[in-house]
Amino acid sequence: MGLMKVFSGDEILAIALKTKLEEAGIETLMRNNNQSAIVLGTGGSIAVEIFIDESKYGKADPIITDFKMNL
């Protein structure tokens, strides 16, 4: 199956959500574009993205919803 982006935001929040998903047995892929910003000289904060296998979305959705509600 394909990957589905489930989060885009600050790196600290992304790591927290990644940990919660992995504790539930859901593998994640985290894409960090901050290094690209440094190379390009923009220096701004670029969002970190978290992806999961789309077949795991049903299991991940309550975790993601709870995480976002408690921000």
PDB file of N, CA and C in Angstrom:
ATOM      1  N   MET A   1       0.837  -1.177   0.000  1.00  0.00           N
ATOM      2  CA  MET A   1       0.000   0.000   0.000  1.00  0.00           C
ATOM      3  C   MET A   1       0.885   1.244   0.000  1.00  0.00           C
ATOM      4  N   GLY A   2       0.256   2.391  -0.197  1.00  0.00           N
ATOM      5  CA  GLY A   2       0.982   3.641  -0.251  1.00  0.00           C
ATOM      6  C   GLY A   2       1.106   4.304   1.104  1.00  0.00           C
ATOM      7  N   LEU A   3       1.930   5.327   1.115  1.00  0.00           N
ATOM      8  CA  LEU A   3       2.107   6.108   2.333  1.00  0.00           C
ATOM      9  C   LEU A   3       1.113   7.256   2.374  1.00  0.00           C
ATOM     10  N   MET A   4       0.736   7.637   3.577  1.00  0.00           N
ATOM     11  CA  MET A   4      -0.235   8.702   3.790  1.00  0.00           C
ATOM     12  C   MET A   4       0.345   9.677   4.810  1.00  0.00           C
ATOM     13  N   LYS A   5       0.326  10.968   4.470  1.00  0.00           N
ATOM     14  CA  LYS A   5       0.822  11.974   5.413  1.00  0.00           C
ATOM     15  C   LYS A   5      -0.238  12.202   6.475  1.00  0.00           C
ATOM     16  N   VAL A   6       0.164  12.066   7.748  1.00  0.00           N
ATOM     17  CA  VAL A   6      -0.782  12.235   8.847  1.00  0.00           C
ATOM     18  C   VAL A   6      -0.458  13.433   9.728  1.00  0.00           C
ATOM     19  N   PHE A   7       0.710  14.048   9.526  1.00  0.00           N
ATOM     20  CA  PHE A   7       1.083  15.200  10.340  1.00  0.00           C
ATOM     21  C   PHE A   7       2.118  16.026   9.609  1.00  0.00           C
ATOM     22  N   SER A   8       2.013  17.323   9.796  1.00  0.00           N
ATOM     23  CA  SER A   8       3.006  18.264   9.292  1.00  0.00           C
ATOM     24  C   SER A   8       3.095  19.386  10.313  1.00  0.00           C
ATOM     25  N   GLY A   9       4.276  19.595  10.865  1.00  0.00           N
ATOM     26  CA  GLY A   9       4.406  20.633  11.877  1.00  0.00           C
ATOM     27  C   GLY A   9       5.775  20.652  12.508  1.00  0.00           C
ATOM     28  N   ASP A  10       5.834  21.230  13.682  1.00  0.00           N
ATOM     29  CA  ASP A  10       7.060  21.399  14.439  1.00  0.00           C
ATOM     30  C   ASP A  10       7.721  20.046  14.735  1.00  0.00           C
ATOM     31  N   GLU A  11       9.053  20.014  14.712  1.00  0.00           N
ATOM     32  CA  GLU A  11       9.785  18.766  14.901  1.00  0.00           C
ATOM     33  C   GLU A  11       9.515  18.133  16.268  1.00  0.00           C
ATOM     34  N   ILE A  12       9.434  18.935  17.310  1.00  0.00           N
ATOM     35  CA  ILE A  12       9.196  18.383  18.652  1.00  0.00           C
ATOM     36  C   ILE A  12       7.835  17.692  18.711  1.00  0.00           C
ATOM     37  N   LEU A  13       6.817  18.322  18.130  1.00  0.00           N
ATOM     38  CA  LEU A  13       5.487  17.703  18.098  1.00  0.00           C
ATOM     39  C   LEU A  13       5.488  16.452  17.232  1.00  0.00           C
ATOM     40  N   ALA A  14       6.209  16.501  16.122  1.00  0.00           N
ATOM     41  CA  ALA A  14       6.282  15.344  15.225  1.00  0.00           C
ATOM     42  C   ALA A  14       6.905  14.144  15.933  1.00  0.00           C
ATOM     43  N   ILE A  15       7.955  14.392  16.693  1.00  0.00           N
ATOM     44  CA  ILE A  15       8.607  13.302  17.428  1.00  0.00           C
ATOM     45  C   ILE A  15       7.656  12.724  18.472  1.00  0.00           C
ATOM     46  N   ALA A  16       6.898  13.586  19.141  1.00  0.00           N
ATOM     47  CA  ALA A  16       5.940  13.113  20.151  1.00  0.00           C
ATOM     48  C   ALA A  16       4.867  12.228  19.518  1.00  0.00           C
ATOM     49  N   LEU A  17       4.323  12.656  18.375  1.00  0.00           N
ATOM     50  CA  LEU A  17       3.303  11.850  17.698  1.00  0.00           C
ATOM     51  C   LEU A  17       3.900  10.559  17.159  1.00  0.00           C
ATOM     52  N   LYS A  18       5.080  10.631  16.596  1.00  0.00           N
ATOM     53  CA  LYS A  18       5.771   9.442  16.074  1.00  0.00           C
ATOM     54  C   LYS A  18       5.921   8.401  17.183  1.00  0.00           C
ATOM     55  N   THR A  19       6.311   8.841  18.360  1.00  0.00           N
ATOM     56  CA  THR A  19       6.474   7.942  19.503  1.00  0.00           C
ATOM     57  C   THR A  19       5.154   7.278  19.870  1.00  0.00           C
ATOM     58  N   LYS A  20       4.070   8.049  19.932  1.00  0.00           N
ATOM     59  CA  LYS A  20       2.754   7.495  20.270  1.00  0.00           C
ATOM     60  C   LYS A  20       2.314   6.452  19.240  1.00  0.00           C
ATOM     61  N   LEU A  21       2.519   6.752  17.966  1.00  0.00           N
ATOM     62  CA  LEU A  21       2.128   5.809  16.916  1.00  0.00           C
ATOM     63  C   LEU A  21       2.951   4.528  17.001  1.00  0.00           C
ATOM     64  N   GLU A  22       4.254   4.664  17.202  1.00  0.00           N
ATOM     65  CA  GLU A  22       5.112   3.481  17.260  1.00  0.00           C
ATOM     66  C   GLU A  22       4.833   2.646  18.505  1.00  0.00           C
ATOM     67  N   GLU A  23       4.448   3.289  19.617  1.00  0.00           N
ATOM     68  CA  GLU A  23       4.059   2.538  20.821  1.00  0.00           C
ATOM     69  C   GLU A  23       2.816   1.693  20.560  1.00  0.00           C
ATOM     70  N   ALA A  24       1.990   2.125  19.607  1.00  0.00           N
ATOM     71  CA  ALA A  24       0.779   1.380  19.241  1.00  0.00           C
ATOM     72  C   ALA A  24       1.059   0.355  18.139  1.00  0.00           C
ATOM     73  N   GLY A  25       2.319   0.222  17.754  1.00  0.00           N
ATOM     74  CA  GLY A  25       2.689  -0.762  16.741  1.00  0.00           C
ATOM     75  C   GLY A  25       2.524  -0.288  15.311  1.00  0.00           C
ATOM     76  N   ILE A  26       2.444   1.027  15.117  1.00  0.00           N
ATOM     77  CA  ILE A  26       2.282   1.593  13.775  1.00  0.00           C
ATOM     78  C   ILE A  26       3.617   2.170  13.328  1.00  0.00           C
ATOM     79  N   GLU A  27       4.175   1.593  12.274  1.00  0.00           N
ATOM     80  CA  GLU A  27       5.447   2.092  11.755  1.00  0.00           C
ATOM     81  C   GLU A  27       5.248   3.460  11.117  1.00  0.00           C
ATOM     82  N   THR A  28       6.234   4.323  11.304  1.00  0.00           N
ATOM     83  CA  THR A  28       6.152   5.675  10.760  1.00  0.00           C
ATOM     84  C   THR A  28       7.387   5.992   9.928  1.00  0.00           C
ATOM     85  N   LEU A  29       7.221   6.972   9.075  1.00  0.00           N
ATOM     86  CA  LEU A  29       8.334   7.537   8.322  1.00  0.00           C
ATOM     87  C   LEU A  29       8.288   9.033   8.575  1.00  0.00           C
ATOM     88  N   MET A  30       9.383   9.587   9.089  1.00  0.00           N
ATOM     89  CA  MET A  30       9.430  11.016   9.371  1.00  0.00           C
ATOM     90  C   MET A  30      10.350  11.681   8.356  1.00  0.00           C
ATOM     91  N   ARG A  31       9.821  12.703   7.720  1.00  0.00           N
ATOM     92  CA  ARG A  31      10.582  13.441   6.704  1.00  0.00           C
ATOM     93  C   ARG A  31      10.855  14.837   7.250  1.00  0.00           C
ATOM     94  N   ASN A  32      12.130  15.159   7.363  1.00  0.00           N
ATOM     95  CA  ASN A  32      12.557  16.424   7.937  1.00  0.00           C
ATOM     96  C   ASN A  32      13.223  17.254   6.853  1.00  0.00           C
ATOM     97  N   ASN A  33      12.614  18.367   6.503  1.00  0.00           N
ATOM     98  CA  ASN A  33      13.156  19.232   5.459  1.00  0.00           C
ATOM     99  C   ASN A  33      13.980  20.387   6.013  1.00  0.00           C
ATOM    100  N   ASN A  34      14.267  20.379   7.323  1.00  0.00           N
ATOM    101  CA  ASN A  34      15.029  21.473   7.917  1.00  0.00           C
ATOM    102  C   ASN A  34      16.415  21.603   7.315  1.00  0.00           C
ATOM    103  N   GLN A  35      17.058  20.500   7.014  1.00  0.00           N
ATOM    104  CA  GLN A  35      18.394  20.557   6.420  1.00  0.00           C
ATOM    105  C   GLN A  35      18.333  21.234   5.061  1.00  0.00           C
ATOM    106  N   SER A  36      17.279  21.004   4.300  1.00  0.00           N
ATOM    107  CA  SER A  36      17.114  21.649   3.000  1.00  0.00           C
ATOM    108  C   SER A  36      17.029  23.157   3.153  1.00  0.00           C
ATOM    109  N   ALA A  37      16.372  23.621   4.204  1.00  0.00           N
ATOM    110  CA  ALA A  37      16.246  25.062   4.439  1.00  0.00           C
ATOM    111  C   ALA A  37      17.601  25.681   4.721  1.00  0.00           C
ATOM    112  N   ILE A  38      18.444  24.950   5.444  1.00  0.00           N
ATOM    113  CA  ILE A  38      19.774  25.463   5.753  1.00  0.00           C
ATOM    114  C   ILE A  38      20.606  25.556   4.485  1.00  0.00           C
ATOM    115  N   VAL A  39      20.556  24.527   3.653  1.00  0.00           N
ATOM    116  CA  VAL A  39      21.315  24.518   2.406  1.00  0.00           C
ATOM    117  C   VAL A  39      20.862  25.643   1.486  1.00  0.00           C
ATOM    118  N   LEU A  40      19.559  25.876   1.428  1.00  0.00           N
ATOM    119  CA  LEU A  40      19.030  26.926   0.567  1.00  0.00           C
ATOM    120  C   LEU A  40      19.208  28.315   1.161  1.00  0.00           C
ATOM    121  N   GLY A  41      19.567  28.375   2.431  1.00  0.00           N
ATOM    122  CA  GLY A  41      19.812  29.654   3.067  1.00  0.00           C
ATOM    123  C   GLY A  41      18.571  30.366   3.552  1.00  0.00           C
ATOM    124  N   THR A  42      17.423  29.674   3.562  1.00  0.00           N
ATOM    125  CA  THR A  42      16.208  30.340   4.019  1.00  0.00           C
ATOM    126  C   THR A  42      16.192  30.481   5.529  1.00  0.00           C
ATOM    127  N   GLY A  43      16.748  29.500   6.215  1.00  0.00           N
ATOM    128  CA  GLY A  43      16.868  29.557   7.658  1.00  0.00           C
ATOM    129  C   GLY A  43      15.560  29.505   8.419  1.00  0.00           C
ATOM    130  N   GLY A  44      14.444  29.483   7.736  1.00  0.00           N
ATOM    131  CA  GLY A  44      13.145  29.437   8.404  1.00  0.00           C
ATOM    132  C   GLY A  44      12.831  28.042   8.896  1.00  0.00           C
ATOM    133  N   SER A  45      11.806  27.959   9.702  1.00  0.00           N
ATOM    134  CA  SER A  45      11.376  26.671  10.209  1.00  0.00           C
ATOM    135  C   SER A  45      10.489  25.996   9.165  1.00  0.00           C
ATOM    136  N   ILE A  46      10.913  24.848   8.708  1.00  0.00           N
ATOM    137  CA  ILE A  46      10.146  24.086   7.724  1.00  0.00           C
ATOM    138  C   ILE A  46       9.543  22.880   8.431  1.00  0.00           C
ATOM    139  N   ALA A  47       8.331  22.580   8.101  1.00  0.00           N
ATOM    140  CA  ALA A  47       7.593  21.520   8.779  1.00  0.00           C
ATOM    141  C   ALA A  47       8.235  20.151   8.597  1.00  0.00           C
ATOM    142  N   VAL A  48       8.113  19.367   9.645  1.00  0.00           N
ATOM    143  CA  VAL A  48       8.486  17.965   9.621  1.00  0.00           C
ATOM    144  C   VAL A  48       7.200  17.197   9.338  1.00  0.00           C
ATOM    145  N   GLU A  49       7.289  16.196   8.479  1.00  0.00           N
ATOM    146  CA  GLU A  49       6.107  15.431   8.083  1.00  0.00           C
ATOM    147  C   GLU A  49       6.210  13.998   8.584  1.00  0.00           C
ATOM    148  N   ILE A  50       5.071  13.437   8.977  1.00  0.00           N
ATOM    149  CA  ILE A  50       5.004  12.034   9.377  1.00  0.00           C
ATOM    150  C   ILE A  50       4.072  11.307   8.422  1.00  0.00           C
ATOM    151  N   PHE A  51       4.543  10.167   7.944  1.00  0.00           N
ATOM    152  CA  PHE A  51       3.780   9.318   7.035  1.00  0.00           C
ATOM    153  C   PHE A  51       3.586   7.948   7.674  1.00  0.00           C
ATOM    154  N   ILE A  52       2.454   7.328   7.375  1.00  0.00           N
ATOM    155  CA  ILE A  52       2.201   5.943   7.771  1.00  0.00           C
ATOM    156  C   ILE A  52       1.667   5.192   6.556  1.00  0.00           C
ATOM    157  N   ASP A  53       1.684   3.870   6.642  1.00  0.00           N
ATOM    158  CA  ASP A  53       1.063   3.049   5.607  1.00  0.00           C
ATOM    159  C   ASP A  53      -0.438   3.314   5.665  1.00  0.00           C
ATOM    160  N   GLU A  54      -1.031   3.607   4.520  1.00  0.00           N
ATOM    161  CA  GLU A  54      -2.457   3.975   4.520  1.00  0.00           C
ATOM    162  C   GLU A  54      -3.358   2.871   5.061  1.00  0.00           C
ATOM    163  N   SER A  55      -2.906   1.623   5.009  1.00  0.00           N
ATOM    164  CA  SER A  55      -3.718   0.524   5.551  1.00  0.00           C
ATOM    165  C   SER A  55      -3.789   0.566   7.078  1.00  0.00           C
ATOM    166  N   LYS A  56      -2.925   1.324   7.722  1.00  0.00           N
ATOM    167  CA  LYS A  56      -2.897   1.447   9.184  1.00  0.00           C
ATOM    168  C   LYS A  56      -3.668   2.669   9.681  1.00  0.00           C
ATOM    169  N   TYR A  57      -4.269   3.426   8.760  1.00  0.00           N
ATOM    170  CA  TYR A  57      -4.923   4.674   9.152  1.00  0.00           C
ATOM    171  C   TYR A  57      -6.058   4.455  10.153  1.00  0.00           C
ATOM    172  N   GLY A  58      -6.836   3.411   9.971  1.00  0.00           N
ATOM    173  CA  GLY A  58      -7.943   3.143  10.893  1.00  0.00           C
ATOM    174  C   GLY A  58      -7.470   2.987  12.329  1.00  0.00           C
ATOM    175  N   LYS A  59      -6.337   2.347  12.515  1.00  0.00           N
ATOM    176  CA  LYS A  59      -5.764   2.161  13.847  1.00  0.00           C
ATOM    177  C   LYS A  59      -5.126   3.458  14.349  1.00  0.00           C
ATOM    178  N   ALA A  60      -4.546   4.233  13.435  1.00  0.00           N
ATOM    179  CA  ALA A  60      -3.821   5.449  13.806  1.00  0.00           C
ATOM    180  C   ALA A  60      -4.733   6.640  14.057  1.00  0.00           C
ATOM    181  N   ASP A  61      -5.888   6.665  13.411  1.00  0.00           N
ATOM    182  CA  ASP A  61      -6.756   7.847  13.476  1.00  0.00           C
ATOM    183  C   ASP A  61      -7.114   8.280  14.903  1.00  0.00           C
ATOM    184  N   PRO A  62      -7.537   7.369  15.792  1.00  0.00           N
ATOM    185  CA  PRO A  62      -7.860   7.820  17.152  1.00  0.00           C
ATOM    186  C   PRO A  62      -6.648   8.401  17.889  1.00  0.00           C
ATOM    187  N   ILE A  63      -5.478   7.855  17.633  1.00  0.00           N
ATOM    188  CA  ILE A  63      -4.246   8.344  18.269  1.00  0.00           C
ATOM    189  C   ILE A  63      -3.926   9.745  17.769  1.00  0.00           C
ATOM    190  N   ILE A  64      -4.032   9.935  16.462  1.00  0.00           N
ATOM    191  CA  ILE A  64      -3.749  11.237  15.850  1.00  0.00           C
ATOM    192  C   ILE A  64      -4.764  12.274  16.325  1.00  0.00           C
ATOM    193  N   THR A  65      -6.035  11.899  16.346  1.00  0.00           N
ATOM    194  CA  THR A  65      -7.086  12.822  16.786  1.00  0.00           C
ATOM    195  C   THR A  65      -6.872  13.242  18.234  1.00  0.00           C
ATOM    196  N   ASP A  66      -6.591  12.277  19.101  1.00  0.00           N
ATOM    197  CA  ASP A  66      -6.339  12.579  20.512  1.00  0.00           C
ATOM    198  C   ASP A  66      -5.124  13.491  20.661  1.00  0.00           C
ATOM    199  N   PHE A  67      -4.081  13.211  19.902  1.00  0.00           N
ATOM    200  CA  PHE A  67      -2.864  14.022  19.956  1.00  0.00           C
ATOM    201  C   PHE A  67      -3.167  15.468  19.571  1.00  0.00           C
ATOM    202  N   LYS A  68      -3.891  15.655  18.480  1.00  0.00           N
ATOM    203  CA  LYS A  68      -4.201  17.012  18.009  1.00  0.00           C
ATOM    204  C   LYS A  68      -5.146  17.745  18.958  1.00  0.00           C
ATOM    205  N   MET A  69      -6.061  17.020  19.586  1.00  0.00           N
ATOM    206  CA  MET A  69      -7.001  17.646  20.524  1.00  0.00           C
ATOM    207  C   MET A  69      -6.298  18.137  21.789  1.00  0.00           C
ATOM    208  N   ASN A  70      -5.167  17.528  22.107  1.00  0.00           N
ATOM    209  CA  ASN A  70      -4.444  17.881  23.328  1.00  0.00           C
ATOM    210  C   ASN A  70      -3.264  18.814  23.093  1.00  0.00           C
ATOM    211  N   LEU A  71      -3.195  19.411  21.936  1.00  0.00           N
ATOM    212  CA  LEU A  71      -2.097  20.359  21.668  1.00  0.00           C
ATOM    213  C   LEU A  71      -2.326  21.658  22.405  1.00  0.00           C
TER     214      LEU A  71
END
